[in-house]
Amino acid sequence: MARGMIVDDSKFMRRIIRECLEYGGHEIVAEVDNGQDALVKYRELKPDFVTMDVTMWGKDGLKAVSEITDIDPDARIVVVSALSEKTLKMDDGGIRARAFVQKPFEKEELLEVIKKVL
């Protein structure tokens, strides 16, 4: 299937997302815990998709999404956050991610969203 990168400051959540995506046949090429490392790894690995948390230490997910889409407007980023989609759009004026999944999520929900963005 597709090569993905997981960006989340919670090791537990990265494991949950990894297990879900690998169950769906995807290869995880990187896991990082902050937006700055996400930008570096994105440039290095060019994954087919990224799951991105919003609230992280250092560079947050909103800034990371913006910077990744600046260098690659076709980046397939799925925001996976405990914050609601409405809150994120109101808070930042909208982010340039392809899709949104709210935590907690069902395995099938995340896999369906990834399928749609690919």
N, C-alpha and C. Protein backbone atom coordinates (compact mmCIF):
# COMPACT_ATOMS: atom_id res chain seq x y z
N MET A 1 0.84 -1.19 0.00
CA MET A 1 0.00 0.00 0.00
C MET A 1 0.88 1.25 0.00
N ALA A 2 0.66 2.18 0.92
CA ALA A 2 1.36 3.46 0.90
C ALA A 2 2.34 3.58 2.07
N ARG A 3 3.30 4.49 1.89
CA ARG A 3 4.31 4.78 2.91
C ARG A 3 3.86 5.99 3.72
N GLY A 4 3.83 5.85 5.04
CA GLY A 4 3.33 6.94 5.87
C GLY A 4 4.30 7.34 6.97
N MET A 5 4.09 8.56 7.47
CA MET A 5 4.84 9.08 8.61
C MET A 5 3.84 9.51 9.67
N ILE A 6 4.13 9.16 10.92
CA ILE A 6 3.27 9.50 12.05
C ILE A 6 3.94 10.60 12.86
N VAL A 7 3.19 11.68 13.12
CA VAL A 7 3.72 12.78 13.92
C VAL A 7 2.78 12.99 15.10
N ASP A 8 3.27 12.66 16.30
CA ASP A 8 2.46 12.81 17.51
C ASP A 8 3.42 12.79 18.69
N ASP A 9 3.20 13.67 19.67
CA ASP A 9 4.10 13.72 20.81
C ASP A 9 3.86 12.59 21.81
N SER A 10 2.78 11.86 21.67
CA SER A 10 2.47 10.76 22.56
C SER A 10 2.95 9.43 21.96
N LYS A 11 3.88 8.79 22.65
CA LYS A 11 4.37 7.49 22.18
C LYS A 11 3.23 6.47 22.10
N PHE A 12 2.33 6.52 23.08
CA PHE A 12 1.18 5.63 23.09
C PHE A 12 0.31 5.84 21.85
N MET A 13 0.03 7.10 21.49
CA MET A 13 -0.80 7.38 20.32
C MET A 13 -0.08 7.00 19.04
N ARG A 14 1.22 7.21 18.97
CA ARG A 14 1.97 6.78 17.77
C ARG A 14 1.84 5.28 17.59
N ARG A 15 1.90 4.53 18.70
CA ARG A 15 1.76 3.07 18.61
C ARG A 15 0.37 2.68 18.12
N ILE A 16 -0.67 3.34 18.63
CA ILE A 16 -2.05 3.05 18.21
C ILE A 16 -2.21 3.33 16.71
N ILE A 17 -1.72 4.48 16.26
CA ILE A 17 -1.83 4.85 14.84
C ILE A 17 -1.03 3.87 13.99
N ARG A 18 0.18 3.53 14.42
CA ARG A 18 1.01 2.58 13.67
C ARG A 18 0.31 1.24 13.50
N GLU A 19 -0.20 0.71 14.61
CA GLU A 19 -0.88 -0.59 14.54
C GLU A 19 -2.07 -0.53 13.59
N CYS A 20 -2.81 0.53 13.64
CA CYS A 20 -3.97 0.69 12.77
C CYS A 20 -3.54 0.73 11.30
N LEU A 21 -2.54 1.56 11.00
CA LEU A 21 -2.11 1.72 9.61
C LEU A 21 -1.44 0.46 9.08
N GLU A 22 -0.64 -0.21 9.90
CA GLU A 22 -0.02 -1.45 9.45
C GLU A 22 -1.08 -2.53 9.24
N TYR A 23 -2.10 -2.56 10.07
CA TYR A 23 -3.22 -3.48 9.87
C TYR A 23 -3.85 -3.24 8.50
N GLY A 24 -3.91 -1.98 8.08
CA GLY A 24 -4.46 -1.62 6.78
C GLY A 24 -3.49 -1.82 5.62
N GLY A 25 -2.29 -2.35 5.91
CA GLY A 25 -1.34 -2.67 4.86
C GLY A 25 -0.35 -1.57 4.53
N HIS A 26 -0.33 -0.50 5.30
CA HIS A 26 0.58 0.60 5.03
C HIS A 26 1.92 0.39 5.73
N GLU A 27 2.96 0.94 5.14
CA GLU A 27 4.31 0.89 5.71
C GLU A 27 4.58 2.22 6.42
N ILE A 28 5.03 2.16 7.66
CA ILE A 28 5.37 3.37 8.39
C ILE A 28 6.88 3.59 8.24
N VAL A 29 7.24 4.69 7.58
CA VAL A 29 8.66 4.96 7.31
C VAL A 29 9.30 5.82 8.39
N ALA A 30 8.47 6.50 9.21
CA ALA A 30 9.03 7.32 10.29
C ALA A 30 7.95 7.64 11.31
N GLU A 31 8.41 7.82 12.54
CA GLU A 31 7.58 8.33 13.64
C GLU A 31 8.38 9.44 14.29
N VAL A 32 7.76 10.61 14.46
CA VAL A 32 8.43 11.72 15.14
C VAL A 32 7.47 12.35 16.14
N ASP A 33 8.05 13.07 17.10
CA ASP A 33 7.22 13.60 18.19
C ASP A 33 7.07 15.12 18.20
N ASN A 34 7.48 15.78 17.10
CA ASN A 34 7.32 17.24 17.03
C ASN A 34 7.35 17.70 15.58
N GLY A 35 6.87 18.91 15.39
CA GLY A 35 6.74 19.45 14.04
C GLY A 35 8.05 19.71 13.33
N GLN A 36 9.09 20.12 14.06
CA GLN A 36 10.39 20.38 13.44
C GLN A 36 10.96 19.10 12.85
N ASP A 37 10.95 18.02 13.62
CA ASP A 37 11.45 16.75 13.11
C ASP A 37 10.58 16.23 11.96
N ALA A 38 9.29 16.53 12.00
CA ALA A 38 8.40 16.12 10.91
C ALA A 38 8.82 16.77 9.60
N LEU A 39 9.16 18.04 9.64
CA LEU A 39 9.59 18.75 8.45
C LEU A 39 10.88 18.14 7.89
N VAL A 40 11.83 17.87 8.76
CA VAL A 40 13.10 17.27 8.35
C VAL A 40 12.87 15.90 7.72
N LYS A 41 12.10 15.06 8.41
CA LYS A 41 11.85 13.69 7.90
C LYS A 41 11.01 13.72 6.62
N TYR A 42 10.07 14.66 6.51
CA TYR A 42 9.27 14.75 5.29
C TYR A 42 10.18 15.02 4.09
N ARG A 43 11.07 15.99 4.25
CA ARG A 43 12.00 16.32 3.15
C ARG A 43 12.88 15.12 2.79
N GLU A 44 13.33 14.40 3.82
CA GLU A 44 14.24 13.28 3.62
C GLU A 44 13.55 12.08 2.99
N LEU A 45 12.34 11.72 3.47
CA LEU A 45 11.70 10.47 3.10
C LEU A 45 10.58 10.59 2.07
N LYS A 46 10.00 11.77 1.92
CA LYS A 46 8.89 11.99 0.99
C LYS A 46 7.81 10.90 1.13
N PRO A 47 7.21 10.77 2.32
CA PRO A 47 6.17 9.74 2.50
C PRO A 47 4.93 10.05 1.66
N ASP A 48 4.15 9.02 1.40
CA ASP A 48 2.92 9.18 0.62
C ASP A 48 1.85 9.93 1.42
N PHE A 49 1.89 9.81 2.75
CA PHE A 49 0.94 10.52 3.60
C PHE A 49 1.55 10.73 4.98
N VAL A 50 0.97 11.68 5.70
CA VAL A 50 1.41 12.01 7.06
C VAL A 50 0.18 12.11 7.95
N THR A 51 0.25 11.51 9.15
CA THR A 51 -0.75 11.81 10.17
C THR A 51 -0.09 12.81 11.11
N MET A 52 -0.81 13.88 11.43
CA MET A 52 -0.22 15.00 12.18
C MET A 52 -1.07 15.38 13.37
N ASP A 53 -0.49 15.28 14.56
CA ASP A 53 -1.13 15.81 15.75
C ASP A 53 -0.99 17.33 15.71
N VAL A 54 -1.75 18.04 16.53
CA VAL A 54 -1.68 19.50 16.54
C VAL A 54 -0.88 20.00 17.73
N THR A 55 -1.25 19.58 18.92
CA THR A 55 -0.60 20.11 20.11
C THR A 55 0.61 19.26 20.47
N MET A 56 1.80 19.82 20.19
CA MET A 56 3.06 19.14 20.46
C MET A 56 4.05 20.18 20.96
N TRP A 57 5.10 19.73 21.63
CA TRP A 57 6.15 20.64 22.08
C TRP A 57 6.93 21.15 20.87
N GLY A 58 7.60 22.26 21.04
CA GLY A 58 8.37 22.83 19.94
C GLY A 58 7.44 23.34 18.86
N LYS A 59 7.73 23.00 17.63
CA LYS A 59 6.87 23.40 16.51
C LYS A 59 5.61 22.56 16.53
N ASP A 60 4.45 23.22 16.63
CA ASP A 60 3.20 22.47 16.70
C ASP A 60 2.77 21.98 15.32
N GLY A 61 1.72 21.18 15.30
CA GLY A 61 1.25 20.59 14.06
C GLY A 61 0.73 21.59 13.05
N LEU A 62 0.13 22.68 13.51
CA LEU A 62 -0.38 23.69 12.58
C LEU A 62 0.76 24.32 11.78
N LYS A 63 1.84 24.65 12.47
CA LYS A 63 3.01 25.23 11.79
C LYS A 63 3.65 24.20 10.87
N ALA A 64 3.73 22.97 11.34
CA ALA A 64 4.35 21.92 10.53
C ALA A 64 3.55 21.66 9.26
N VAL A 65 2.22 21.61 9.36
CA VAL A 65 1.39 21.42 8.17
C VAL A 65 1.64 22.56 7.18
N SER A 66 1.66 23.77 7.68
CA SER A 66 1.87 24.93 6.82
C SER A 66 3.22 24.86 6.11
N GLU A 67 4.27 24.52 6.84
CA GLU A 67 5.60 24.47 6.25
C GLU A 67 5.76 23.30 5.28
N ILE A 68 5.18 22.16 5.61
CA ILE A 68 5.26 21.01 4.69
C ILE A 68 4.51 21.33 3.41
N THR A 69 3.33 21.92 3.51
CA THR A 69 2.57 22.23 2.29
C THR A 69 3.19 23.39 1.52
N ASP A 70 4.00 24.22 2.17
CA ASP A 70 4.74 25.25 1.44
C ASP A 70 5.78 24.61 0.53
N ILE A 71 6.45 23.56 1.01
CA ILE A 71 7.47 22.91 0.18
C ILE A 71 6.87 21.86 -0.77
N ASP A 72 5.70 21.34 -0.40
CA ASP A 72 5.02 20.34 -1.25
C ASP A 72 3.51 20.56 -1.17
N PRO A 73 2.97 21.38 -2.08
CA PRO A 73 1.53 21.66 -2.05
C PRO A 73 0.66 20.42 -2.21
N ASP A 74 1.23 19.33 -2.72
CA ASP A 74 0.47 18.09 -2.91
C ASP A 74 0.58 17.14 -1.72
N ALA A 75 1.21 17.58 -0.64
CA ALA A 75 1.38 16.72 0.54
C ALA A 75 0.02 16.23 1.03
N ARG A 76 -0.04 14.96 1.35
CA ARG A 76 -1.27 14.35 1.85
C ARG A 76 -1.16 14.24 3.37
N ILE A 77 -1.70 15.24 4.05
CA ILE A 77 -1.60 15.30 5.50
C ILE A 77 -2.99 15.13 6.10
N VAL A 78 -3.08 14.22 7.06
CA VAL A 78 -4.31 13.99 7.80
C VAL A 78 -4.06 14.43 9.24
N VAL A 79 -4.78 15.44 9.68
CA VAL A 79 -4.66 15.88 11.07
C VAL A 79 -5.43 14.90 11.95
N VAL A 80 -4.75 14.39 12.98
CA VAL A 80 -5.36 13.49 13.96
C VAL A 80 -5.21 14.18 15.30
N SER A 81 -6.31 14.72 15.81
CA SER A 81 -6.22 15.57 17.00
C SER A 81 -7.41 15.37 17.94
N ALA A 82 -7.17 15.66 19.21
CA ALA A 82 -8.26 15.66 20.18
C ALA A 82 -9.08 16.94 20.06
N LEU A 83 -8.50 17.98 19.46
CA LEU A 83 -9.24 19.21 19.22
C LEU A 83 -10.23 18.97 18.09
N SER A 84 -11.35 19.67 18.12
CA SER A 84 -12.33 19.49 17.06
C SER A 84 -11.89 20.22 15.79
N GLU A 85 -12.38 19.76 14.67
CA GLU A 85 -12.06 20.39 13.40
C GLU A 85 -12.53 21.85 13.40
N LYS A 86 -13.70 22.08 13.96
CA LYS A 86 -14.23 23.44 14.03
C LYS A 86 -13.31 24.34 14.85
N THR A 87 -12.84 23.86 15.96
CA THR A 87 -11.93 24.64 16.80
C THR A 87 -10.64 24.97 16.04
N LEU A 88 -10.11 24.01 15.34
CA LEU A 88 -8.87 24.25 14.60
C LEU A 88 -9.05 25.30 13.52
N LYS A 89 -10.14 25.24 12.79
CA LYS A 89 -10.36 26.22 11.73
C LYS A 89 -10.58 27.61 12.30
N MET A 90 -11.31 27.69 13.41
CA MET A 90 -11.54 28.99 14.02
C MET A 90 -10.25 29.51 14.64
N ASP A 91 -9.47 28.64 15.19
CA ASP A 91 -8.26 29.04 15.89
C ASP A 91 -7.18 29.52 14.94
N ASP A 92 -7.07 28.89 13.77
CA ASP A 92 -5.96 29.19 12.87
C ASP A 92 -6.41 29.75 11.53
N GLY A 93 -7.70 29.92 11.34
CA GLY A 93 -8.17 30.38 10.04
C GLY A 93 -8.15 29.28 9.00
N GLY A 94 -8.05 28.05 9.43
CA GLY A 94 -8.04 26.91 8.50
C GLY A 94 -6.63 26.41 8.28
N ILE A 95 -6.46 25.12 8.25
CA ILE A 95 -5.14 24.56 7.98
C ILE A 95 -5.21 23.78 6.67
N ARG A 96 -4.07 23.67 6.03
CA ARG A 96 -4.02 23.06 4.70
C ARG A 96 -3.77 21.56 4.73
N ALA A 97 -4.54 20.88 5.52
CA ALA A 97 -4.46 19.42 5.56
C ALA A 97 -5.56 18.87 4.66
N ARG A 98 -5.36 17.65 4.18
CA ARG A 98 -6.35 17.02 3.29
C ARG A 98 -7.57 16.51 4.02
N ALA A 99 -7.38 16.13 5.30
CA ALA A 99 -8.48 15.53 6.05
C ALA A 99 -8.22 15.68 7.54
N PHE A 100 -9.25 15.33 8.31
CA PHE A 100 -9.20 15.47 9.75
C PHE A 100 -9.84 14.25 10.40
N VAL A 101 -9.21 13.74 11.45
CA VAL A 101 -9.77 12.65 12.25
C VAL A 101 -9.66 13.08 13.70
N GLN A 102 -10.77 13.01 14.42
CA GLN A 102 -10.75 13.42 15.82
C GLN A 102 -10.48 12.22 16.72
N LYS A 103 -9.59 12.41 17.69
CA LYS A 103 -9.31 11.39 18.70
C LYS A 103 -10.43 11.41 19.72
N PRO A 104 -10.81 10.29 20.28
CA PRO A 104 -10.43 8.94 19.87
C PRO A 104 -11.14 8.57 18.57
N PHE A 105 -10.54 7.67 17.82
CA PHE A 105 -11.10 7.26 16.54
C PHE A 105 -11.17 5.74 16.47
N GLU A 106 -11.97 5.27 15.54
CA GLU A 106 -12.04 3.84 15.26
C GLU A 106 -11.04 3.51 14.15
N LYS A 107 -10.46 2.33 14.21
CA LYS A 107 -9.48 1.89 13.22
C LYS A 107 -10.00 2.08 11.80
N GLU A 108 -11.24 1.65 11.56
CA GLU A 108 -11.81 1.73 10.22
C GLU A 108 -11.95 3.17 9.75
N GLU A 109 -12.26 4.08 10.68
CA GLU A 109 -12.40 5.49 10.33
C GLU A 109 -11.07 6.05 9.81
N LEU A 110 -9.99 5.81 10.53
CA LEU A 110 -8.69 6.31 10.10
C LEU A 110 -8.28 5.69 8.77
N LEU A 111 -8.46 4.39 8.62
CA LEU A 111 -8.08 3.74 7.36
C LEU A 111 -8.89 4.27 6.18
N GLU A 112 -10.17 4.55 6.39
CA GLU A 112 -11.01 5.09 5.32
C GLU A 112 -10.55 6.49 4.92
N VAL A 113 -10.19 7.31 5.89
CA VAL A 113 -9.70 8.65 5.59
C VAL A 113 -8.39 8.59 4.83
N ILE A 114 -7.48 7.73 5.25
CA ILE A 114 -6.20 7.57 4.53
C ILE A 114 -6.47 7.12 3.10
N LYS A 115 -7.37 6.18 2.93
CA LYS A 115 -7.71 5.70 1.58
C LYS A 115 -8.20 6.86 0.70
N LYS A 116 -9.03 7.73 1.27
CA LYS A 116 -9.59 8.85 0.51
C LYS A 116 -8.52 9.86 0.10
N VAL A 117 -7.54 10.14 0.98
CA VAL A 117 -6.53 11.14 0.63
C VAL A 117 -5.49 10.61 -0.35
N LEU A 118 -5.37 9.30 -0.42
CA LEU A 118 -4.39 8.72 -1.35
C LEU A 118 -4.98 8.71 -2.75
